[in-house]
Amino acid sequence: IIINNINIDNINYSDLITRIQTAIEGETQISIAYANANTINLTYKESNLTDALNSFDIIHPDGVGIYFASRFLYGTGGLTDRFTGSDFYPELSKSAAENKWKMFFFGHDDEILSKIEKHNPLLLISGMHNGYDFEDSEIISKINSTENDILIIGLGTPLQENWVSTNKGKLNCKVIICVGDGIKVFSGDKTRGPKILRKLGLEWLARLALNPLKYFKRYVIGNPIFLYRIIILKMRKLA
């Protein structure tokens, strides 16, 4: 589906795991990004983000906002399944451990990175590097000096998408996945709401309540803006 010129794949968790496995076994490289309500809002301000995102092989939906926006815009032709990165990454970790895929983590800070191995003792982690102190040439050399099947990047949008778009041709890993703040899912530090809120698509309320300063702009201001923009896109489709 297309939302504000972003090509979002109608994909579920098992489909994406299969695509990842196919790339690893076939020795081909694929790049994977996500699109949520905040991503779409950022495309209105970041002129390069749309092109960077559409250079990825797969853009998976992330969150209930994108799901309902797709159904509003395209009806039954919208997304088939609700997809949340925070629910997908544990599935990815499980598959990586079972298949002995080697993973490199690039992003966030050293404290978060240090917890990943303890939280996922069965993962084969080939390397790590924080997202605050790096030179492109040095981090690329570090990634390429280790044997990696999957590169997890958590630099935040739009930095991570622009970085991958520019540098993926220099990387020898088979799968590149942008996860943003989702890198904290791998460390066990990601704040999750109660299951009832997740089911209702209101998990963002829990994040807002626990950290209002961090999430006020994204949710209290960003969600209504996203809704308004989706309505405008619908009106243009009907015009």
Foldseek 3Di string as FASTA:
>chain_A
DADPLADADLDELVRVLVVLVCLLVVQAAFEEEEDELLLSVVCVVDVCQRVLRVLGPHYYYAFPRQQVLQCLQPPVPGHPDHYHLLVNVVVVLVVCLVVVFEEEEEEADPVLVVQLCVLRVSHHYFYYYYQPDDDLVVVQVVQQVTDGQEYEYAHAPPVVSVSCSVCVVSHSHRYYYYDHVSSSSSNVNDDFDDPVCVVVRNRVVVVCVVPVVVCVCCPVVSVVVSVVSSVVVNVVVVD
